[in-house]
């Protein structure tokens, strides 16, 4: 189960190996006491002794209900995950002799991706003997980077890996936000009267 690995992460009550511990908690003065006294204090409050910092000398233990402690840890982890900026990598594939219409179509999509704050992985795929045109592939990718200069910057120059020549473009700081849509004007009384 998912929760089992989190339960095994902290030692509680008799699982704590140290003789002396520093206790903390709500309404408890932070002090160093023998483990037996910490267990008696926790038992009197109908709570558990949870070892939160085992590497400290002496280990730091919180007197708290263990299920409540696990809930708080899960909640903190969820908040941290929500705060993280998530960047997706969008791929755009070219052939070594991509014509202008296809190039412009892919360029338009790449601009949209960069404006949304996503990274773009542009690559040229060489089939069979088309590997002879690797200079054309590199020129194509450099032109692509130059056309996207105002939306993003090249984070990795074109590199040939097997039959693929790959380049990464990261969004610029100011280009990552789309403008908010303008509010629709309110209908006047005359327009409302005209409706059947």
N, C-alpha and C. Protein backbone atom coordinates (compact mmCIF):
# COMPACT_ATOMS: atom_id res chain seq x y z
N UNK A 1 0.83 -1.18 0.00
CA UNK A 1 0.00 0.00 0.00
C UNK A 1 0.87 1.25 0.00
N UNK A 2 0.28 2.37 -0.43
CA UNK A 2 1.03 3.62 -0.51
C UNK A 2 1.47 4.13 0.85
N UNK A 3 0.57 4.15 1.82
CA UNK A 3 0.84 4.76 3.11
C UNK A 3 1.82 3.99 3.97
N UNK A 4 2.08 2.71 3.68
CA UNK A 4 2.95 1.89 4.50
C UNK A 4 4.38 2.42 4.54
N UNK A 5 4.90 2.88 3.39
CA UNK A 5 6.28 3.35 3.39
C UNK A 5 6.43 4.63 4.20
N UNK A 6 5.39 5.47 4.28
CA UNK A 6 5.46 6.68 5.09
C UNK A 6 5.38 6.33 6.57
N UNK A 7 4.59 5.32 6.92
CA UNK A 7 4.48 4.91 8.31
C UNK A 7 5.81 4.37 8.83
N UNK A 8 6.57 3.69 8.00
CA UNK A 8 7.85 3.12 8.39
C UNK A 8 8.96 4.17 8.45
N UNK A 9 8.67 5.38 7.97
CA UNK A 9 9.70 6.41 7.88
C UNK A 9 10.09 6.96 9.25
N UNK A 10 9.16 7.02 10.19
CA UNK A 10 9.41 7.60 11.51
C UNK A 10 9.32 6.54 12.59
N UNK A 11 10.20 6.64 13.60
CA UNK A 11 10.11 5.75 14.75
C UNK A 11 9.16 6.38 15.76
N UNK A 12 8.34 5.55 16.37
CA UNK A 12 7.42 6.06 17.39
C UNK A 12 7.53 5.22 18.66
N UNK A 13 7.23 5.87 19.78
CA UNK A 13 7.15 5.25 21.11
C UNK A 13 8.32 4.30 21.39
N UNK A 14 8.08 3.00 21.55
CA UNK A 14 9.13 2.05 21.94
C UNK A 14 10.13 1.77 20.82
N UNK A 15 9.86 2.19 19.60
CA UNK A 15 10.80 1.98 18.49
C UNK A 15 12.01 2.91 18.58
N UNK A 16 11.90 3.97 19.36
CA UNK A 16 12.99 4.95 19.50
C UNK A 16 14.10 4.30 20.32
N UNK A 17 15.34 4.39 19.85
CA UNK A 17 16.46 3.66 20.46
C UNK A 17 17.26 4.50 21.45
N UNK A 18 17.15 5.81 21.38
CA UNK A 18 17.96 6.68 22.23
C UNK A 18 17.46 6.67 23.67
N UNK A 19 18.38 6.87 24.64
CA UNK A 19 17.97 6.92 26.04
C UNK A 19 17.38 8.27 26.40
N UNK A 20 17.97 9.34 25.83
CA UNK A 20 17.47 10.69 26.10
C UNK A 20 16.99 11.31 24.81
N UNK A 21 15.93 12.11 24.89
CA UNK A 21 15.37 12.77 23.72
C UNK A 21 15.01 14.21 24.07
N UNK A 22 15.01 15.06 23.06
CA UNK A 22 14.51 16.43 23.23
C UNK A 22 13.06 16.42 22.78
N UNK A 23 12.16 16.80 23.68
CA UNK A 23 10.74 16.76 23.34
C UNK A 23 10.24 18.14 22.97
N UNK A 24 9.35 18.18 21.97
CA UNK A 24 8.67 19.39 21.54
C UNK A 24 7.22 19.04 21.27
N UNK A 25 6.37 20.04 21.21
CA UNK A 25 4.96 19.80 20.92
C UNK A 25 4.12 20.96 21.41
N UNK A 26 2.83 20.90 21.13
CA UNK A 26 1.91 21.96 21.56
C UNK A 26 1.75 21.94 23.07
N UNK A 27 2.02 23.08 23.70
CA UNK A 27 1.88 23.20 25.15
C UNK A 27 2.98 22.47 25.92
N UNK A 28 4.07 22.09 25.25
CA UNK A 28 5.17 21.39 25.91
C UNK A 28 6.43 22.24 25.80
N UNK A 29 7.10 22.40 26.93
CA UNK A 29 8.37 23.15 26.94
C UNK A 29 9.45 22.26 26.32
N UNK A 30 10.22 22.84 25.41
CA UNK A 30 11.29 22.08 24.76
C UNK A 30 12.41 21.81 25.76
N UNK A 31 12.66 20.52 26.03
CA UNK A 31 13.70 20.16 26.98
C UNK A 31 14.18 18.73 26.71
N UNK A 32 15.33 18.38 27.28
CA UNK A 32 15.90 17.05 27.13
C UNK A 32 15.46 16.21 28.34
N UNK A 33 14.85 15.05 28.04
CA UNK A 33 14.37 14.16 29.11
C UNK A 33 14.70 12.72 28.73
N UNK A 34 14.73 11.82 29.72
CA UNK A 34 14.88 10.39 29.39
C UNK A 34 13.66 9.91 28.59
N UNK A 35 13.84 8.92 27.77
CA UNK A 35 12.78 8.40 26.91
C UNK A 35 11.58 7.93 27.72
N UNK A 36 11.81 7.31 28.90
CA UNK A 36 10.70 6.81 29.71
C UNK A 36 9.77 7.94 30.13
N UNK A 37 10.34 9.09 30.50
CA UNK A 37 9.52 10.24 30.92
C UNK A 37 8.74 10.79 29.73
N UNK A 38 9.38 10.85 28.57
CA UNK A 38 8.70 11.32 27.35
C UNK A 38 7.52 10.41 27.02
N UNK A 39 7.70 9.09 27.20
CA UNK A 39 6.61 8.14 26.92
C UNK A 39 5.46 8.33 27.92
N UNK A 40 5.80 8.61 29.21
CA UNK A 40 4.77 8.84 30.22
C UNK A 40 3.99 10.12 29.92
N UNK A 41 4.70 11.18 29.51
CA UNK A 41 4.04 12.45 29.17
C UNK A 41 3.07 12.23 28.01
N UNK A 42 3.54 11.52 26.98
CA UNK A 42 2.70 11.25 25.81
C UNK A 42 1.49 10.40 26.18
N UNK A 43 1.69 9.40 27.04
CA UNK A 43 0.60 8.52 27.45
C UNK A 43 -0.45 9.30 28.25
N UNK A 44 0.02 10.24 29.08
CA UNK A 44 -0.90 11.06 29.87
C UNK A 44 -1.75 11.97 28.97
N UNK A 45 -1.21 12.37 27.84
CA UNK A 45 -1.95 13.23 26.91
C UNK A 45 -2.68 12.42 25.84
N UNK A 46 -2.57 11.09 25.90
CA UNK A 46 -3.18 10.17 24.93
C UNK A 46 -2.64 10.45 23.53
N UNK A 47 -1.30 10.62 23.43
CA UNK A 47 -0.62 10.88 22.16
C UNK A 47 0.60 9.98 22.05
N UNK A 48 1.37 10.16 20.98
CA UNK A 48 2.55 9.33 20.71
C UNK A 48 3.81 10.18 20.74
N UNK A 49 4.96 9.52 20.96
CA UNK A 49 6.26 10.18 20.83
C UNK A 49 6.78 9.82 19.44
N UNK A 50 6.96 10.84 18.58
CA UNK A 50 7.38 10.62 17.20
C UNK A 50 8.77 11.22 17.01
N UNK A 51 9.72 10.40 16.58
CA UNK A 51 11.10 10.87 16.35
C UNK A 51 11.14 11.60 15.01
N UNK A 52 11.28 12.94 15.06
CA UNK A 52 11.26 13.72 13.82
C UNK A 52 12.64 14.07 13.31
N UNK A 53 13.64 14.07 14.18
CA UNK A 53 15.01 14.36 13.75
C UNK A 53 15.96 13.38 14.44
N UNK A 54 16.14 12.18 13.86
CA UNK A 54 16.95 11.16 14.52
C UNK A 54 18.46 11.46 14.53
N UNK A 55 18.92 12.33 13.64
CA UNK A 55 20.36 12.61 13.55
C UNK A 55 20.82 13.65 14.55
N UNK A 56 19.91 14.40 15.16
CA UNK A 56 20.29 15.42 16.15
C UNK A 56 20.81 14.74 17.40
N UNK A 57 21.54 15.49 18.22
CA UNK A 57 22.08 14.92 19.45
C UNK A 57 21.58 15.73 20.63
N UNK A 58 20.67 15.29 21.45
CA UNK A 58 19.89 14.06 21.37
C UNK A 58 18.79 14.17 20.31
N UNK A 59 18.22 13.05 19.88
CA UNK A 59 17.17 13.09 18.84
C UNK A 59 15.98 13.94 19.27
N UNK A 60 15.39 14.64 18.30
CA UNK A 60 14.23 15.48 18.58
C UNK A 60 12.97 14.65 18.35
N UNK A 61 12.08 14.67 19.35
CA UNK A 61 10.83 13.92 19.26
C UNK A 61 9.66 14.87 19.51
N UNK A 62 8.60 14.71 18.74
CA UNK A 62 7.40 15.51 18.92
C UNK A 62 6.34 14.65 19.58
N UNK A 63 5.67 15.25 20.55
CA UNK A 63 4.56 14.55 21.20
C UNK A 63 3.29 15.00 20.48
N UNK A 64 2.72 14.04 19.74
CA UNK A 64 1.57 14.34 18.88
C UNK A 64 0.88 13.02 18.55
N UNK A 65 -0.39 13.09 18.18
CA UNK A 65 -1.09 11.90 17.71
C UNK A 65 -0.46 11.50 16.38
N UNK A 66 -0.02 10.25 16.25
CA UNK A 66 0.76 9.82 15.08
C UNK A 66 -0.02 9.94 13.78
N UNK A 67 -1.30 9.60 13.79
CA UNK A 67 -2.10 9.70 12.55
C UNK A 67 -2.25 11.18 12.14
N UNK A 68 -2.38 12.07 13.11
CA UNK A 68 -2.46 13.50 12.82
C UNK A 68 -1.13 13.99 12.24
N UNK A 69 -0.01 13.48 12.79
CA UNK A 69 1.32 13.85 12.30
C UNK A 69 1.50 13.41 10.84
N UNK A 70 1.08 12.17 10.52
CA UNK A 70 1.20 11.68 9.14
C UNK A 70 0.33 12.52 8.20
N UNK A 71 -0.86 12.90 8.65
CA UNK A 71 -1.75 13.73 7.84
C UNK A 71 -1.09 15.08 7.55
N UNK A 72 -0.47 15.70 8.56
CA UNK A 72 0.20 16.98 8.36
C UNK A 72 1.36 16.85 7.38
N UNK A 73 2.12 15.76 7.47
CA UNK A 73 3.25 15.55 6.55
C UNK A 73 2.76 15.38 5.12
N UNK A 74 1.67 14.63 4.94
CA UNK A 74 1.11 14.41 3.61
C UNK A 74 0.60 15.73 3.04
N UNK A 75 -0.03 16.54 3.89
CA UNK A 75 -0.57 17.83 3.47
C UNK A 75 0.56 18.78 3.04
N UNK A 76 1.67 18.80 3.81
CA UNK A 76 2.83 19.63 3.45
C UNK A 76 3.42 19.21 2.11
N UNK A 77 3.55 17.90 1.91
CA UNK A 77 4.11 17.39 0.66
C UNK A 77 3.23 17.77 -0.52
N UNK A 78 1.91 17.71 -0.32
CA UNK A 78 0.98 18.06 -1.39
C UNK A 78 1.07 19.55 -1.73
N UNK A 79 1.21 20.41 -0.71
CA UNK A 79 1.36 21.85 -0.94
C UNK A 79 2.64 22.16 -1.69
N UNK A 80 3.73 21.50 -1.32
CA UNK A 80 5.01 21.72 -2.00
C UNK A 80 4.92 21.29 -3.46
N UNK A 81 4.24 20.19 -3.71
CA UNK A 81 4.10 19.70 -5.08
C UNK A 81 3.27 20.67 -5.91
N UNK A 82 2.25 21.27 -5.29
CA UNK A 82 1.40 22.22 -6.01
C UNK A 82 2.16 23.51 -6.33
N UNK A 83 3.11 23.88 -5.47
CA UNK A 83 3.88 25.11 -5.69
C UNK A 83 4.93 24.96 -6.79
N UNK A 84 5.33 23.74 -7.07
CA UNK A 84 6.36 23.52 -8.08
C UNK A 84 5.84 23.90 -9.46
N UNK A 85 6.69 24.61 -10.20
CA UNK A 85 6.32 24.96 -11.57
C UNK A 85 6.52 23.72 -12.45
N UNK A 86 5.50 23.36 -13.18
CA UNK A 86 5.58 22.17 -14.02
C UNK A 86 5.86 22.60 -15.45
N UNK A 87 6.94 22.11 -16.01
CA UNK A 87 7.32 22.45 -17.37
C UNK A 87 7.24 21.20 -18.21
N UNK A 88 6.43 21.26 -19.26
CA UNK A 88 6.33 20.15 -20.19
C UNK A 88 7.28 20.38 -21.35
N UNK A 89 7.74 19.29 -21.95
CA UNK A 89 8.59 19.37 -23.13
C UNK A 89 7.76 18.93 -24.33
N UNK A 90 7.59 19.82 -25.28
CA UNK A 90 6.82 19.54 -26.49
C UNK A 90 7.81 19.27 -27.62
N UNK A 91 7.55 18.23 -28.40
CA UNK A 91 8.44 17.85 -29.49
C UNK A 91 7.92 18.34 -30.83
N UNK A 92 8.85 18.80 -31.65
CA UNK A 92 8.52 19.19 -33.02
C UNK A 92 9.53 18.50 -33.93
N UNK A 93 9.01 17.76 -34.91
CA UNK A 93 9.86 16.94 -35.78
C UNK A 93 9.94 17.54 -37.17
N UNK A 94 11.13 17.58 -37.70
CA UNK A 94 11.37 18.04 -39.06
C UNK A 94 12.05 16.93 -39.86
N UNK A 95 11.95 17.03 -41.18
CA UNK A 95 12.78 16.24 -42.08
C UNK A 95 13.91 17.15 -42.55
N UNK A 96 14.98 16.62 -43.12
CA UNK A 96 16.08 17.49 -43.53
C UNK A 96 15.69 18.46 -44.65
N UNK A 97 14.65 18.13 -45.42
CA UNK A 97 14.23 19.00 -46.52
C UNK A 97 12.77 19.42 -46.33
N UNK A 98 12.46 19.97 -45.15
CA UNK A 98 11.11 20.42 -44.85
C UNK A 98 10.81 21.69 -45.65
N UNK A 99 9.64 21.73 -46.32
CA UNK A 99 9.33 22.91 -47.13
C UNK A 99 8.79 24.04 -46.26
N UNK A 100 8.63 25.23 -46.85
CA UNK A 100 8.29 26.45 -46.10
C UNK A 100 6.93 26.36 -45.40
N UNK A 101 5.92 25.79 -46.06
CA UNK A 101 4.60 25.73 -45.45
C UNK A 101 4.63 24.90 -44.17
N UNK A 102 5.24 23.72 -44.22
CA UNK A 102 5.34 22.86 -43.05
C UNK A 102 6.17 23.54 -41.95
N UNK A 103 7.25 24.20 -42.38
CA UNK A 103 8.11 24.91 -41.43
C UNK A 103 7.32 26.00 -40.69
N UNK A 104 6.56 26.80 -41.42
CA UNK A 104 5.78 27.89 -40.81
C UNK A 104 4.69 27.35 -39.89
N UNK A 105 4.07 26.23 -40.28
CA UNK A 105 3.05 25.59 -39.45
C UNK A 105 3.65 25.15 -38.12
N UNK A 106 4.82 24.52 -38.16
CA UNK A 106 5.48 24.04 -36.95
C UNK A 106 6.02 25.20 -36.12
N UNK A 107 6.44 26.26 -36.79
CA UNK A 107 6.92 27.46 -36.10
C UNK A 107 5.78 28.09 -35.28
N UNK A 108 4.59 28.13 -35.87
CA UNK A 108 3.42 28.70 -35.19
C UNK A 108 3.10 27.89 -33.92
N UNK A 109 3.16 26.57 -34.04
CA UNK A 109 2.91 25.72 -32.88
C UNK A 109 3.98 25.92 -31.81
N UNK A 110 5.23 26.04 -32.21
CA UNK A 110 6.32 26.23 -31.26
C UNK A 110 6.15 27.55 -30.51
N UNK A 111 5.72 28.59 -31.20
CA UNK A 111 5.47 29.88 -30.54
C UNK A 111 4.40 29.73 -29.47
N UNK A 112 3.35 29.01 -29.80
CA UNK A 112 2.28 28.76 -28.82
C UNK A 112 2.78 28.00 -27.61
N UNK A 113 3.61 26.97 -27.84
CA UNK A 113 4.15 26.18 -26.74
C UNK A 113 5.00 27.06 -25.82
N UNK A 114 5.86 27.89 -26.41
CA UNK A 114 6.74 28.74 -25.61
C UNK A 114 5.93 29.80 -24.86
N UNK A 115 4.88 30.30 -25.46
CA UNK A 115 4.03 31.29 -24.77
C UNK A 115 3.30 30.65 -23.59
N UNK A 116 3.00 29.37 -23.70
CA UNK A 116 2.36 28.66 -22.59
C UNK A 116 3.35 28.28 -21.49
N UNK A 117 4.65 28.52 -21.71
CA UNK A 117 5.67 28.23 -20.71
C UNK A 117 6.27 26.84 -20.83
N UNK A 118 6.06 26.16 -21.96
CA UNK A 118 6.62 24.82 -22.16
C UNK A 118 7.95 24.91 -22.91
N UNK A 119 8.81 23.90 -22.68
CA UNK A 119 10.05 23.80 -23.44
C UNK A 119 9.73 23.15 -24.79
N UNK A 120 10.56 23.45 -25.79
CA UNK A 120 10.38 22.85 -27.10
C UNK A 120 11.62 22.05 -27.45
N UNK A 121 11.39 20.80 -27.85
CA UNK A 121 12.47 19.94 -28.34
C UNK A 121 12.26 19.80 -29.84
N UNK A 122 13.09 20.49 -30.60
CA UNK A 122 12.99 20.42 -32.06
C UNK A 122 14.06 19.44 -32.55
N UNK A 123 13.66 18.55 -33.46
CA UNK A 123 14.66 17.63 -33.98
C UNK A 123 14.42 17.34 -35.45
N UNK A 124 15.53 17.05 -36.12
CA UNK A 124 15.48 16.65 -37.53
C UNK A 124 15.78 15.16 -37.55
N UNK A 125 14.89 14.39 -38.17
CA UNK A 125 15.06 12.94 -38.25
C UNK A 125 15.57 12.59 -39.64
N UNK A 126 16.70 11.92 -39.67
CA UNK A 126 17.30 11.52 -40.96
C UNK A 126 16.98 10.07 -41.23
N UNK A 127 16.43 9.81 -42.43
CA UNK A 127 16.11 8.45 -42.85
C UNK A 127 17.09 8.00 -43.93
N UNK A 128 17.57 6.80 -43.77
CA UNK A 128 18.42 6.21 -44.81
C UNK A 128 19.61 7.08 -45.17
N UNK A 129 19.71 7.43 -46.46
CA UNK A 129 20.86 8.21 -46.92
C UNK A 129 20.70 9.71 -46.68
N UNK A 130 19.57 10.11 -46.13
CA UNK A 130 19.37 11.55 -45.89
C UNK A 130 20.33 12.08 -44.82
N UNK A 131 21.07 11.19 -44.15
CA UNK A 131 22.07 11.62 -43.17
C UNK A 131 23.16 12.45 -43.86
N UNK A 132 23.26 12.31 -45.17
CA UNK A 132 24.24 13.11 -45.92
C UNK A 132 23.91 14.60 -45.85
N UNK A 133 22.65 14.93 -45.55
CA UNK A 133 22.21 16.33 -45.50
C UNK A 133 22.21 16.89 -44.08
N UNK A 134 23.12 16.42 -43.22
CA UNK A 134 23.10 16.89 -41.84
C UNK A 134 23.38 18.38 -41.72
N UNK A 135 24.11 18.96 -42.68
CA UNK A 135 24.33 20.42 -42.67
C UNK A 135 23.00 21.15 -42.89
N UNK A 136 22.16 20.60 -43.77
CA UNK A 136 20.84 21.19 -44.00
C UNK A 136 19.99 21.12 -42.74
N UNK A 137 20.09 20.02 -42.04
CA UNK A 137 19.34 19.85 -40.79
C UNK A 137 19.78 20.85 -39.74
N UNK A 138 21.09 21.05 -39.62
CA UNK A 138 21.60 22.02 -38.65
C UNK A 138 21.18 23.44 -39.03
N UNK A 139 21.24 23.76 -40.31
CA UNK A 139 20.81 25.08 -40.79
C UNK A 139 19.33 25.30 -40.48
N UNK A 140 18.52 24.27 -40.70
CA UNK A 140 17.09 24.35 -40.43
C UNK A 140 16.83 24.63 -38.94
N UNK A 141 17.53 23.92 -38.06
CA UNK A 141 17.34 24.12 -36.62
C UNK A 141 17.81 25.50 -36.17
N UNK A 142 18.91 25.97 -36.73
CA UNK A 142 19.41 27.30 -36.37
C UNK A 142 18.44 28.38 -36.84
N UNK A 143 17.86 28.20 -38.02
CA UNK A 143 16.85 29.14 -38.52
C UNK A 143 15.61 29.13 -37.61
N UNK A 144 15.24 27.94 -37.17
CA UNK A 144 14.11 27.78 -36.25
C UNK A 144 14.37 28.54 -34.94
N UNK A 145 15.58 28.39 -34.40
CA UNK A 145 15.96 29.08 -33.16
C UNK A 145 15.94 30.59 -33.36
N UNK A 146 16.41 31.04 -34.52
CA UNK A 146 16.46 32.47 -34.80
C UNK A 146 15.05 33.04 -34.93
N UNK A 147 14.14 32.30 -35.55
CA UNK A 147 12.76 32.76 -35.70
C UNK A 147 12.01 32.79 -34.36
N UNK A 148 12.44 31.96 -33.42
CA UNK A 148 11.80 31.91 -32.11
C UNK A 148 12.54 32.73 -31.05
N UNK A 149 13.47 33.57 -31.50
CA UNK A 149 14.34 34.32 -30.60
C UNK A 149 13.57 35.19 -29.61
N UNK A 150 12.46 35.80 -30.03
CA UNK A 150 11.72 36.68 -29.12
C UNK A 150 10.86 35.91 -28.13
N UNK A 151 10.61 34.62 -28.38
CA UNK A 151 9.77 33.81 -27.49
C UNK A 151 10.58 32.91 -26.56
N UNK A 152 11.77 32.50 -27.00
CA UNK A 152 12.57 31.58 -26.19
C UNK A 152 14.04 31.66 -26.55
N UNK A 153 14.84 31.02 -25.72
CA UNK A 153 16.28 31.00 -25.96
C UNK A 153 16.76 29.55 -26.06
N UNK A 154 17.80 29.34 -26.83
CA UNK A 154 18.32 27.99 -27.04
C UNK A 154 19.03 27.53 -25.77
N UNK A 155 18.55 26.42 -25.20
CA UNK A 155 19.21 25.89 -24.00
C UNK A 155 20.20 24.77 -24.36
N UNK A 156 20.05 24.19 -25.56
CA UNK A 156 21.02 23.20 -26.03
C UNK A 156 21.15 23.35 -27.55
N UNK A 157 22.34 23.59 -28.00
CA UNK A 157 22.59 23.75 -29.44
C UNK A 157 22.36 22.41 -30.15
N UNK A 158 22.17 22.43 -31.47
CA UNK A 158 21.92 21.17 -32.20
C UNK A 158 23.03 20.14 -32.01
N UNK A 159 22.63 18.94 -31.65
CA UNK A 159 23.56 17.83 -31.45
C UNK A 159 23.05 16.63 -32.24
N UNK A 160 23.93 15.96 -32.95
CA UNK A 160 23.56 14.78 -33.72
C UNK A 160 23.69 13.55 -32.83
N UNK A 161 22.58 12.85 -32.59
CA UNK A 161 22.56 11.63 -31.79
C UNK A 161 21.97 10.52 -32.64
N UNK A 162 22.78 9.70 -33.22
CA UNK A 162 22.30 8.64 -34.10
C UNK A 162 21.72 9.24 -35.37
N UNK A 163 20.43 9.02 -35.61
CA UNK A 163 19.78 9.57 -36.81
C UNK A 163 18.98 10.83 -36.51
N UNK A 164 19.14 11.38 -35.32
CA UNK A 164 18.40 12.58 -34.91
C UNK A 164 19.36 13.71 -34.60
N UNK A 165 19.04 14.91 -35.07
CA UNK A 165 19.75 16.11 -34.65
C UNK A 165 18.77 16.89 -33.79
N UNK A 166 19.12 17.08 -32.50
CA UNK A 166 18.19 17.62 -31.52
C UNK A 166 18.65 18.97 -30.99
N UNK A 167 17.66 19.85 -30.70
CA UNK A 167 17.93 21.14 -30.09
C UNK A 167 16.79 21.45 -29.12
N UNK A 168 17.12 22.06 -27.97
CA UNK A 168 16.12 22.45 -26.98
C UNK A 168 16.02 23.96 -26.91
N UNK A 169 14.77 24.44 -26.81
CA UNK A 169 14.51 25.87 -26.67
C UNK A 169 13.65 26.06 -25.42
N UNK A 170 14.11 26.94 -24.52
CA UNK A 170 13.38 27.23 -23.28
C UNK A 170 12.64 28.54 -23.42
N UNK A 171 11.48 28.66 -22.78
CA UNK A 171 10.72 29.92 -22.87
C UNK A 171 11.43 31.05 -22.13
N UNK A 172 11.27 32.26 -22.62
CA UNK A 172 11.81 33.43 -21.94
C UNK A 172 10.89 33.78 -20.79
N UNK A 173 11.41 34.47 -19.79
CA UNK A 173 10.64 34.78 -18.58
C UNK A 173 9.38 35.59 -18.90
N UNK A 174 9.48 36.63 -19.70
CA UNK A 174 8.34 37.49 -19.98
C UNK A 174 7.35 36.88 -20.95
N UNK A 175 7.79 35.90 -21.75
CA UNK A 175 6.93 35.34 -22.79
C UNK A 175 6.04 34.21 -22.29
N UNK A 176 6.15 33.82 -21.01
CA UNK A 176 5.43 32.66 -20.51
C UNK A 176 3.98 32.89 -20.13
N UNK A 177 3.48 34.11 -20.28
CA UNK A 177 2.12 34.38 -19.87
C UNK A 177 1.28 34.88 -21.03
N UNK A 178 0.09 34.31 -21.16
CA UNK A 178 -0.84 34.77 -22.19
C UNK A 178 -1.63 35.95 -21.66
N UNK A 179 -1.95 36.94 -22.51
CA UNK A 179 -2.76 38.05 -22.02
C UNK A 179 -4.17 37.59 -21.69
N UNK A 180 -4.74 38.21 -20.68
CA UNK A 180 -6.10 37.85 -20.26
C UNK A 180 -7.10 38.34 -21.30
N UNK A 181 -8.14 37.56 -21.59
CA UNK A 181 -9.13 38.01 -22.58
C UNK A 181 -9.87 39.24 -22.08
N UNK A 182 -10.18 40.14 -23.00
CA UNK A 182 -10.88 41.36 -22.64
C UNK A 182 -12.33 41.03 -22.29
N UNK A 183 -12.89 41.72 -21.28
CA UNK A 183 -14.28 41.43 -20.91
C UNK A 183 -15.23 41.90 -22.01
N UNK A 184 -16.33 41.16 -22.17
CA UNK A 184 -17.31 41.51 -23.20
C UNK A 184 -18.11 42.71 -22.73
N UNK A 185 -18.39 43.65 -23.63
CA UNK A 185 -19.17 44.82 -23.21
C UNK A 185 -20.60 44.42 -22.87
N UNK A 186 -21.16 45.12 -21.90
CA UNK A 186 -22.53 44.83 -21.48
C UNK A 186 -23.51 45.29 -22.54
N UNK A 187 -24.61 44.56 -22.70
CA UNK A 187 -25.61 44.92 -23.71
C UNK A 187 -26.38 46.15 -23.24
N UNK A 188 -26.64 47.05 -24.16
CA UNK A 188 -27.43 48.23 -23.82
C UNK A 188 -28.91 47.87 -23.79
N UNK A 189 -29.73 48.77 -23.24
CA UNK A 189 -31.16 48.51 -23.13
C UNK A 189 -31.82 48.36 -24.50
N UNK A 190 -31.33 49.11 -25.49
CA UNK A 190 -31.90 49.05 -26.85
C UNK A 190 -31.71 47.67 -27.45
N UNK A 191 -30.49 47.07 -27.25
CA UNK A 191 -30.21 45.75 -27.81
C UNK A 191 -31.08 44.69 -27.14
N UNK A 192 -31.34 44.84 -25.84
CA UNK A 192 -32.15 43.86 -25.11
C UNK A 192 -33.60 43.92 -25.58
N UNK A 193 -34.10 45.14 -25.93
CA UNK A 193 -35.47 45.29 -26.42
C UNK A 193 -35.67 44.64 -27.78
N UNK A 194 -34.61 44.64 -28.61
CA UNK A 194 -34.71 44.11 -29.96
C UNK A 194 -34.82 42.59 -29.98
N UNK A 195 -34.33 41.92 -28.94
CA UNK A 195 -34.35 40.46 -28.93
C UNK A 195 -35.79 39.96 -28.78
N UNK A 196 -36.22 38.91 -29.56
CA UNK A 196 -37.61 38.42 -29.51
C UNK A 196 -37.92 37.71 -28.21
